[in-house]
Amino acid sequence: MAGPRPSGPSRILALDYGRRRIGAAISDPDRILASPLEVYERREHLRDLNHYRELVREERIERIVIGLPVHTSGGESELSREARAWGKKLVEVCGCKVVFHDERYTSKDADERLREAGLSPRAHRAKRDMLAAQILLQHYLEAGCPEQETPVHPLEG
């Protein structure tokens, strides 16, 4: 279990979950603005979880928002199931609340913004997941930081 977090204003961390990379964004203490934070290249399961435990402690994170990859119809995907399982592990390791938020179109929006900025394909790839996390977090903040996720249709099977 995570040790005590430093006192003071807390923030929200958003994660754009992926099998190879995880994009991260962080809110300001007033929970108005989302800023890009990092793109984490996944390694091994425990090392990945420890990375986020330290990040939660260092950045005074009160809540983690994980983007829930759902189909355009609203149905959950196999990646949604993985994101939920990973979120449960984060709760155990980080000791803070984890909520899921629909991330439909965040990667598409990030791609469009990066294209408009004229970034090279290499720079585009390096920033995409982090920008998608920022878009996800800004949507979450603008929605009033709901503690209950919008219902989605579970993956059948």
N, C-alpha and C. Protein backbone atom coordinates (compact mmCIF):
# COMPACT_ATOMS: atom_id res chain seq x y z
N MET A 1 0.84 -1.18 0.00
CA MET A 1 0.00 0.00 0.00
C MET A 1 0.88 1.23 0.00
N ALA A 2 0.42 2.28 -0.63
CA ALA A 2 1.19 3.51 -0.73
C ALA A 2 1.27 4.18 0.63
N GLY A 3 2.39 4.87 0.86
CA GLY A 3 2.58 5.61 2.09
C GLY A 3 1.78 6.88 2.08
N PRO A 4 1.86 7.67 3.16
CA PRO A 4 1.08 8.90 3.22
C PRO A 4 1.53 9.87 2.13
N ARG A 5 0.54 10.56 1.56
CA ARG A 5 0.83 11.56 0.54
C ARG A 5 1.09 12.89 1.22
N PRO A 6 1.90 13.75 0.60
CA PRO A 6 2.14 15.06 1.16
C PRO A 6 0.83 15.84 1.28
N SER A 7 0.76 16.71 2.29
CA SER A 7 -0.45 17.51 2.47
C SER A 7 -0.43 18.65 1.47
N GLY A 8 -1.58 19.30 1.31
CA GLY A 8 -1.70 20.41 0.38
C GLY A 8 -2.70 20.08 -0.70
N PRO A 9 -2.87 20.99 -1.65
CA PRO A 9 -3.85 20.77 -2.72
C PRO A 9 -3.54 19.50 -3.50
N SER A 10 -4.59 18.80 -3.87
CA SER A 10 -4.41 17.56 -4.63
C SER A 10 -4.80 17.79 -6.08
N ARG A 11 -4.35 16.88 -6.90
CA ARG A 11 -4.58 16.98 -8.34
C ARG A 11 -5.23 15.70 -8.86
N ILE A 12 -5.62 15.77 -10.11
CA ILE A 12 -6.18 14.61 -10.80
C ILE A 12 -5.20 14.22 -11.90
N LEU A 13 -4.93 12.93 -12.01
CA LEU A 13 -4.07 12.38 -13.05
C LEU A 13 -4.96 11.63 -14.04
N ALA A 14 -4.78 11.89 -15.33
CA ALA A 14 -5.51 11.15 -16.35
C ALA A 14 -4.53 10.28 -17.11
N LEU A 15 -4.94 9.07 -17.41
CA LEU A 15 -4.10 8.12 -18.13
C LEU A 15 -4.82 7.62 -19.37
N ASP A 16 -4.14 7.73 -20.51
CA ASP A 16 -4.62 7.16 -21.76
C ASP A 16 -3.96 5.80 -21.87
N TYR A 17 -4.68 4.78 -21.41
CA TYR A 17 -4.16 3.42 -21.30
C TYR A 17 -3.89 2.81 -22.66
N GLY A 18 -2.73 2.17 -22.78
CA GLY A 18 -2.40 1.42 -23.99
C GLY A 18 -1.52 0.23 -23.63
N ARG A 19 -1.45 -0.72 -24.51
CA ARG A 19 -0.65 -1.92 -24.25
C ARG A 19 0.85 -1.64 -24.31
N ARG A 20 1.26 -0.66 -25.10
CA ARG A 20 2.69 -0.34 -25.23
C ARG A 20 3.07 0.96 -24.54
N ARG A 21 2.17 1.95 -24.59
CA ARG A 21 2.45 3.26 -24.01
C ARG A 21 1.23 3.74 -23.24
N ILE A 22 1.51 4.58 -22.24
CA ILE A 22 0.45 5.21 -21.48
C ILE A 22 0.73 6.71 -21.47
N GLY A 23 -0.21 7.45 -22.00
CA GLY A 23 -0.11 8.91 -21.96
C GLY A 23 -0.67 9.42 -20.65
N ALA A 24 -0.07 10.48 -20.12
CA ALA A 24 -0.52 11.03 -18.84
C ALA A 24 -0.67 12.54 -18.93
N ALA A 25 -1.68 13.03 -18.22
CA ALA A 25 -1.91 14.46 -18.08
C ALA A 25 -2.29 14.71 -16.63
N ILE A 26 -2.10 15.94 -16.18
CA ILE A 26 -2.35 16.28 -14.78
C ILE A 26 -3.14 17.58 -14.70
N SER A 27 -3.99 17.67 -13.71
CA SER A 27 -4.76 18.90 -13.51
C SER A 27 -3.98 19.87 -12.64
N ASP A 28 -4.38 21.12 -12.69
CA ASP A 28 -3.86 22.08 -11.72
C ASP A 28 -4.58 21.81 -10.40
N PRO A 29 -4.08 22.35 -9.27
CA PRO A 29 -4.73 22.07 -7.98
C PRO A 29 -6.18 22.53 -7.91
N ASP A 30 -6.55 23.56 -8.70
CA ASP A 30 -7.93 24.04 -8.70
C ASP A 30 -8.83 23.22 -9.61
N ARG A 31 -8.26 22.28 -10.33
CA ARG A 31 -8.99 21.37 -11.21
C ARG A 31 -9.76 22.10 -12.30
N ILE A 32 -9.04 23.05 -12.93
CA ILE A 32 -9.62 23.81 -14.03
C ILE A 32 -8.95 23.45 -15.35
N LEU A 33 -7.62 23.33 -15.31
CA LEU A 33 -6.85 23.09 -16.52
C LEU A 33 -6.13 21.74 -16.49
N ALA A 34 -6.06 21.12 -17.65
CA ALA A 34 -5.31 19.88 -17.82
C ALA A 34 -4.04 20.19 -18.58
N SER A 35 -2.93 19.64 -18.13
CA SER A 35 -1.65 19.83 -18.80
C SER A 35 -1.05 18.47 -19.13
N PRO A 36 -0.41 18.36 -20.30
CA PRO A 36 0.26 17.10 -20.64
C PRO A 36 1.39 16.84 -19.66
N LEU A 37 1.63 15.59 -19.34
CA LEU A 37 2.67 15.25 -18.36
C LEU A 37 3.76 14.36 -18.96
N GLU A 38 3.38 13.21 -19.51
CA GLU A 38 4.39 12.27 -20.00
C GLU A 38 3.77 11.21 -20.89
N VAL A 39 4.64 10.55 -21.62
CA VAL A 39 4.30 9.29 -22.29
C VAL A 39 5.21 8.25 -21.67
N TYR A 40 4.62 7.27 -21.05
CA TYR A 40 5.36 6.21 -20.37
C TYR A 40 5.39 4.98 -21.25
N GLU A 41 6.59 4.51 -21.55
CA GLU A 41 6.76 3.27 -22.32
C GLU A 41 6.65 2.12 -21.33
N ARG A 42 5.67 1.26 -21.54
CA ARG A 42 5.45 0.16 -20.62
C ARG A 42 6.61 -0.81 -20.64
N ARG A 43 6.88 -1.38 -19.46
CA ARG A 43 7.98 -2.33 -19.32
C ARG A 43 7.44 -3.65 -18.78
N GLU A 44 7.53 -3.80 -17.49
CA GLU A 44 7.00 -5.00 -16.84
C GLU A 44 6.00 -4.56 -15.79
N HIS A 45 5.01 -5.39 -15.57
CA HIS A 45 3.81 -5.03 -14.81
C HIS A 45 4.12 -4.32 -13.48
N LEU A 46 4.92 -4.93 -12.62
CA LEU A 46 5.19 -4.32 -11.32
C LEU A 46 5.96 -3.01 -11.43
N ARG A 47 6.88 -2.97 -12.35
CA ARG A 47 7.65 -1.73 -12.56
C ARG A 47 6.71 -0.60 -13.02
N ASP A 48 5.77 -0.93 -13.90
CA ASP A 48 4.80 0.06 -14.36
C ASP A 48 3.96 0.58 -13.20
N LEU A 49 3.45 -0.33 -12.39
CA LEU A 49 2.63 0.08 -11.24
C LEU A 49 3.43 0.93 -10.26
N ASN A 50 4.68 0.57 -10.01
CA ASN A 50 5.53 1.35 -9.11
C ASN A 50 5.77 2.76 -9.65
N HIS A 51 5.90 2.88 -10.95
CA HIS A 51 6.07 4.20 -11.56
C HIS A 51 4.90 5.10 -11.19
N TYR A 52 3.68 4.58 -11.30
CA TYR A 52 2.50 5.38 -11.00
C TYR A 52 2.32 5.60 -9.51
N ARG A 53 2.73 4.66 -8.70
CA ARG A 53 2.69 4.87 -7.24
C ARG A 53 3.55 6.08 -6.88
N GLU A 54 4.75 6.15 -7.43
CA GLU A 54 5.64 7.29 -7.16
C GLU A 54 5.07 8.59 -7.72
N LEU A 55 4.51 8.53 -8.90
CA LEU A 55 3.93 9.71 -9.51
C LEU A 55 2.78 10.25 -8.67
N VAL A 56 1.94 9.37 -8.17
CA VAL A 56 0.82 9.77 -7.31
C VAL A 56 1.34 10.47 -6.06
N ARG A 57 2.38 9.92 -5.48
CA ARG A 57 2.95 10.51 -4.26
C ARG A 57 3.58 11.88 -4.55
N GLU A 58 4.41 11.93 -5.57
CA GLU A 58 5.15 13.16 -5.89
C GLU A 58 4.23 14.30 -6.32
N GLU A 59 3.20 14.00 -7.07
CA GLU A 59 2.33 15.04 -7.63
C GLU A 59 1.07 15.30 -6.80
N ARG A 60 0.96 14.64 -5.64
CA ARG A 60 -0.20 14.83 -4.76
C ARG A 60 -1.52 14.51 -5.49
N ILE A 61 -1.55 13.33 -6.07
CA ILE A 61 -2.72 12.90 -6.84
C ILE A 61 -3.78 12.35 -5.89
N GLU A 62 -4.99 12.85 -6.02
CA GLU A 62 -6.12 12.39 -5.21
C GLU A 62 -6.96 11.37 -5.98
N ARG A 63 -6.96 11.49 -7.32
CA ARG A 63 -7.80 10.65 -8.14
C ARG A 63 -7.11 10.40 -9.48
N ILE A 64 -7.29 9.20 -9.99
CA ILE A 64 -6.78 8.86 -11.32
C ILE A 64 -7.98 8.60 -12.23
N VAL A 65 -7.97 9.23 -13.38
CA VAL A 65 -9.00 9.02 -14.39
C VAL A 65 -8.37 8.20 -15.51
N ILE A 66 -8.92 7.05 -15.77
CA ILE A 66 -8.41 6.20 -16.84
C ILE A 66 -9.39 6.26 -18.00
N GLY A 67 -8.84 6.55 -19.17
CA GLY A 67 -9.68 6.58 -20.36
C GLY A 67 -10.19 5.19 -20.67
N LEU A 68 -11.47 5.10 -20.87
CA LEU A 68 -12.09 3.81 -21.17
C LEU A 68 -12.34 3.72 -22.67
N PRO A 69 -11.56 2.87 -23.35
CA PRO A 69 -11.72 2.75 -24.80
C PRO A 69 -12.99 1.97 -25.14
N VAL A 70 -13.96 2.69 -25.68
CA VAL A 70 -15.21 2.05 -26.06
C VAL A 70 -15.44 2.24 -27.55
N HIS A 71 -16.26 1.38 -28.12
CA HIS A 71 -16.62 1.48 -29.53
C HIS A 71 -17.51 2.70 -29.74
N THR A 72 -17.63 3.16 -30.97
CA THR A 72 -18.48 4.32 -31.26
C THR A 72 -19.92 4.07 -30.84
N SER A 73 -20.34 2.82 -30.81
CA SER A 73 -21.70 2.48 -30.38
C SER A 73 -21.88 2.61 -28.87
N GLY A 74 -20.78 2.75 -28.14
CA GLY A 74 -20.85 2.82 -26.68
C GLY A 74 -20.52 1.51 -26.01
N GLY A 75 -20.35 0.45 -26.78
CA GLY A 75 -20.01 -0.85 -26.21
C GLY A 75 -18.53 -0.92 -25.84
N GLU A 76 -18.24 -1.66 -24.80
CA GLU A 76 -16.86 -1.80 -24.36
C GLU A 76 -16.09 -2.74 -25.28
N SER A 77 -14.79 -2.52 -25.30
CA SER A 77 -13.89 -3.33 -26.11
C SER A 77 -13.05 -4.23 -25.21
N GLU A 78 -12.27 -5.09 -25.83
CA GLU A 78 -11.34 -5.92 -25.05
C GLU A 78 -10.34 -5.04 -24.31
N LEU A 79 -9.92 -3.95 -24.95
CA LEU A 79 -9.00 -3.01 -24.31
C LEU A 79 -9.67 -2.33 -23.10
N SER A 80 -10.98 -2.15 -23.15
CA SER A 80 -11.72 -1.61 -22.00
C SER A 80 -11.58 -2.54 -20.80
N ARG A 81 -11.73 -3.82 -21.06
CA ARG A 81 -11.62 -4.82 -20.00
C ARG A 81 -10.22 -4.78 -19.39
N GLU A 82 -9.19 -4.67 -20.24
CA GLU A 82 -7.82 -4.57 -19.74
C GLU A 82 -7.61 -3.29 -18.92
N ALA A 83 -8.15 -2.18 -19.41
CA ALA A 83 -8.01 -0.91 -18.69
C ALA A 83 -8.67 -0.99 -17.32
N ARG A 84 -9.83 -1.63 -17.23
CA ARG A 84 -10.51 -1.77 -15.93
C ARG A 84 -9.68 -2.63 -14.98
N ALA A 85 -9.14 -3.73 -15.47
CA ALA A 85 -8.32 -4.61 -14.61
C ALA A 85 -7.07 -3.86 -14.13
N TRP A 86 -6.45 -3.11 -15.02
CA TRP A 86 -5.27 -2.35 -14.66
C TRP A 86 -5.62 -1.26 -13.64
N GLY A 87 -6.78 -0.64 -13.81
CA GLY A 87 -7.24 0.36 -12.85
C GLY A 87 -7.42 -0.21 -11.46
N LYS A 88 -7.92 -1.43 -11.37
CA LYS A 88 -8.08 -2.08 -10.06
C LYS A 88 -6.72 -2.28 -9.39
N LYS A 89 -5.72 -2.64 -10.19
CA LYS A 89 -4.37 -2.80 -9.63
C LYS A 89 -3.82 -1.46 -9.15
N LEU A 90 -4.10 -0.39 -9.89
CA LEU A 90 -3.64 0.94 -9.47
C LEU A 90 -4.24 1.35 -8.13
N VAL A 91 -5.51 1.02 -7.91
CA VAL A 91 -6.15 1.32 -6.62
C VAL A 91 -5.36 0.65 -5.50
N GLU A 92 -5.04 -0.62 -5.69
CA GLU A 92 -4.30 -1.37 -4.67
C GLU A 92 -2.91 -0.79 -4.41
N VAL A 93 -2.22 -0.41 -5.46
CA VAL A 93 -0.83 0.04 -5.35
C VAL A 93 -0.73 1.51 -4.94
N CYS A 94 -1.61 2.34 -5.48
CA CYS A 94 -1.50 3.79 -5.26
C CYS A 94 -2.33 4.29 -4.08
N GLY A 95 -3.36 3.55 -3.72
CA GLY A 95 -4.18 3.95 -2.58
C GLY A 95 -5.05 5.16 -2.84
N CYS A 96 -5.35 5.47 -4.10
CA CYS A 96 -6.24 6.59 -4.38
C CYS A 96 -7.40 6.10 -5.25
N LYS A 97 -8.39 6.94 -5.36
CA LYS A 97 -9.58 6.59 -6.14
C LYS A 97 -9.23 6.54 -7.63
N VAL A 98 -9.81 5.57 -8.32
CA VAL A 98 -9.66 5.44 -9.78
C VAL A 98 -11.06 5.47 -10.37
N VAL A 99 -11.25 6.34 -11.35
CA VAL A 99 -12.52 6.40 -12.07
C VAL A 99 -12.22 6.21 -13.56
N PHE A 100 -13.22 5.78 -14.29
CA PHE A 100 -13.09 5.56 -15.72
C PHE A 100 -13.95 6.58 -16.44
N HIS A 101 -13.43 7.07 -17.56
CA HIS A 101 -14.15 8.10 -18.33
C HIS A 101 -14.03 7.75 -19.80
N ASP A 102 -15.12 7.87 -20.51
CA ASP A 102 -15.18 7.56 -21.94
C ASP A 102 -14.12 8.36 -22.69
N GLU A 103 -13.27 7.66 -23.41
CA GLU A 103 -12.20 8.35 -24.14
C GLU A 103 -12.42 8.34 -25.65
N ARG A 104 -13.64 8.03 -26.08
CA ARG A 104 -13.91 8.02 -27.52
C ARG A 104 -13.44 9.32 -28.16
N TYR A 105 -12.75 9.18 -29.25
CA TYR A 105 -12.30 10.28 -30.11
C TYR A 105 -11.13 11.10 -29.54
N THR A 106 -10.62 10.79 -28.34
CA THR A 106 -9.50 11.60 -27.83
C THR A 106 -8.25 11.40 -28.68
N SER A 107 -7.96 10.19 -29.10
CA SER A 107 -6.79 9.95 -29.94
C SER A 107 -6.97 10.60 -31.31
N LYS A 108 -8.18 10.53 -31.83
CA LYS A 108 -8.46 11.17 -33.12
C LYS A 108 -8.29 12.69 -33.00
N ASP A 109 -8.81 13.28 -31.93
CA ASP A 109 -8.64 14.72 -31.69
C ASP A 109 -7.16 15.07 -31.55
N ALA A 110 -6.42 14.24 -30.84
CA ALA A 110 -4.98 14.48 -30.65
C ALA A 110 -4.27 14.42 -32.00
N ASP A 111 -4.59 13.43 -32.82
CA ASP A 111 -3.98 13.31 -34.15
C ASP A 111 -4.25 14.56 -34.98
N GLU A 112 -5.48 15.02 -34.95
CA GLU A 112 -5.85 16.19 -35.73
C GLU A 112 -5.08 17.44 -35.27
N ARG A 113 -4.98 17.63 -33.97
CA ARG A 113 -4.26 18.79 -33.43
C ARG A 113 -2.78 18.72 -33.78
N LEU A 114 -2.20 17.54 -33.72
CA LEU A 114 -0.78 17.40 -34.03
C LEU A 114 -0.50 17.62 -35.52
N ARG A 115 -1.42 17.15 -36.37
CA ARG A 115 -1.29 17.40 -37.80
C ARG A 115 -1.36 18.90 -38.09
N GLU A 116 -2.33 19.57 -37.45
CA GLU A 116 -2.48 21.01 -37.63
C GLU A 116 -1.25 21.78 -37.15
N ALA A 117 -0.56 21.24 -36.16
CA ALA A 117 0.65 21.88 -35.64
C ALA A 117 1.84 21.64 -36.56
N GLY A 118 1.68 20.75 -37.55
CA GLY A 118 2.74 20.51 -38.52
C GLY A 118 3.90 19.69 -37.99
N LEU A 119 3.65 18.86 -36.99
CA LEU A 119 4.71 18.02 -36.43
C LEU A 119 5.09 16.89 -37.38
N SER A 120 6.35 16.51 -37.33
CA SER A 120 6.81 15.37 -38.11
C SER A 120 6.15 14.10 -37.58
N PRO A 121 6.06 13.06 -38.40
CA PRO A 121 5.47 11.81 -37.92
C PRO A 121 6.14 11.28 -36.64
N ARG A 122 7.45 11.45 -36.54
CA ARG A 122 8.15 10.96 -35.34
C ARG A 122 7.74 11.77 -34.11
N ALA A 123 7.70 13.10 -34.21
CA ALA A 123 7.27 13.94 -33.10
C ALA A 123 5.80 13.71 -32.77
N HIS A 124 5.03 13.47 -33.80
CA HIS A 124 3.60 13.18 -33.65
C HIS A 124 3.40 11.95 -32.76
N ARG A 125 4.10 10.86 -33.09
CA ARG A 125 3.98 9.62 -32.30
C ARG A 125 4.40 9.84 -30.86
N ALA A 126 5.44 10.65 -30.66
CA ALA A 126 5.97 10.86 -29.31
C ALA A 126 5.00 11.64 -28.42
N LYS A 127 4.14 12.44 -29.00
CA LYS A 127 3.25 13.30 -28.21
C LYS A 127 1.78 12.86 -28.20
N ARG A 128 1.40 11.98 -29.08
CA ARG A 128 -0.01 11.63 -29.27
C ARG A 128 -0.69 11.15 -28.00
N ASP A 129 -0.12 10.19 -27.31
CA ASP A 129 -0.78 9.61 -26.13
C ASP A 129 -0.89 10.62 -25.00
N MET A 130 0.12 11.47 -24.85
CA MET A 130 0.10 12.50 -23.82
C MET A 130 -0.99 13.54 -24.12
N LEU A 131 -1.11 13.93 -25.37
CA LEU A 131 -2.15 14.89 -25.75
C LEU A 131 -3.53 14.27 -25.61
N ALA A 132 -3.67 12.99 -25.96
CA ALA A 132 -4.96 12.31 -25.78
C ALA A 132 -5.35 12.29 -24.30
N ALA A 133 -4.38 12.09 -23.41
CA ALA A 133 -4.65 12.11 -21.97
C ALA A 133 -5.07 13.51 -21.53
N GLN A 134 -4.45 14.54 -22.10
CA GLN A 134 -4.80 15.91 -21.76
C GLN A 134 -6.24 16.21 -22.20
N ILE A 135 -6.60 15.78 -23.40
CA ILE A 135 -7.97 16.00 -23.90
C ILE A 135 -8.96 15.25 -23.02
N LEU A 136 -8.65 14.01 -22.67
CA LEU A 136 -9.49 13.22 -21.77
C LEU A 136 -9.70 13.94 -20.45
N LEU A 137 -8.62 14.42 -19.86
CA LEU A 137 -8.71 15.09 -18.56
C LEU A 137 -9.49 16.39 -18.66
N GLN A 138 -9.27 17.16 -19.72
CA GLN A 138 -10.02 18.41 -19.85
C GLN A 138 -11.51 18.14 -19.97
N HIS A 139 -11.89 17.11 -20.73
CA HIS A 139 -13.31 16.73 -20.82
C HIS A 139 -13.85 16.35 -19.44
N TYR A 140 -13.06 15.58 -18.71
CA TYR A 140 -13.47 15.15 -17.36
C TYR A 140 -13.65 16.35 -16.43
N LEU A 141 -12.72 17.28 -16.46
CA LEU A 141 -12.81 18.48 -15.62
C LEU A 141 -14.04 19.30 -16.00
N GLU A 142 -14.27 19.47 -17.29
CA GLU A 142 -15.41 20.25 -17.76
C GLU A 142 -16.74 19.57 -17.44
N ALA A 143 -16.73 18.26 -17.27
CA ALA A 143 -17.94 17.51 -16.90
C ALA A 143 -18.21 17.60 -15.39
N GLY A 144 -17.33 18.28 -14.66
CA GLY A 144 -17.53 18.45 -13.22
C GLY A 144 -16.88 17.37 -12.38
N CYS A 145 -15.94 16.64 -12.91
CA CYS A 145 -15.20 15.59 -12.19
C CYS A 145 -16.13 14.54 -11.60
N PRO A 146 -16.98 13.94 -12.44
CA PRO A 146 -17.92 12.95 -11.90
C PRO A 146 -17.22 11.74 -11.29
N GLU A 147 -17.77 11.28 -10.19
CA GLU A 147 -17.20 10.10 -9.54
C GLU A 147 -17.83 8.82 -10.07
N GLN A 148 -18.93 8.95 -10.79
CA GLN A 148 -19.57 7.80 -11.42
C GLN A 148 -19.39 7.95 -12.92
N GLU A 149 -19.02 6.88 -13.59
CA GLU A 149 -18.83 6.96 -15.03
C GLU A 149 -20.16 6.91 -15.76
N THR A 150 -20.17 7.48 -16.94
CA THR A 150 -21.33 7.37 -17.80
C THR A 150 -21.49 5.91 -18.19
N PRO A 151 -22.70 5.38 -18.08
CA PRO A 151 -22.86 3.96 -18.42
C PRO A 151 -22.44 3.66 -19.86
N VAL A 152 -21.76 2.55 -20.00
CA VAL A 152 -21.41 2.02 -21.32
C VAL A 152 -21.95 0.61 -21.37
N HIS A 153 -21.99 0.06 -22.54
CA HIS A 153 -22.47 -1.31 -22.70
C HIS A 153 -21.32 -2.27 -22.52
N PRO A 154 -21.42 -3.19 -21.54
CA PRO A 154 -20.33 -4.12 -21.29
C PRO A 154 -20.04 -5.01 -22.51
N LEU A 155 -18.79 -5.42 -22.57
CA LEU A 155 -18.37 -6.36 -23.60
C LEU A 155 -19.09 -7.68 -23.37
N GLU A 156 -19.67 -8.18 -24.40
CA GLU A 156 -20.36 -9.48 -24.28
C GLU A 156 -19.33 -10.60 -24.20
N GLY A 157 -19.64 -11.60 -23.37
CA GLY A 157 -18.78 -12.77 -23.35
C GLY A 157 -18.15 -12.97 -22.12
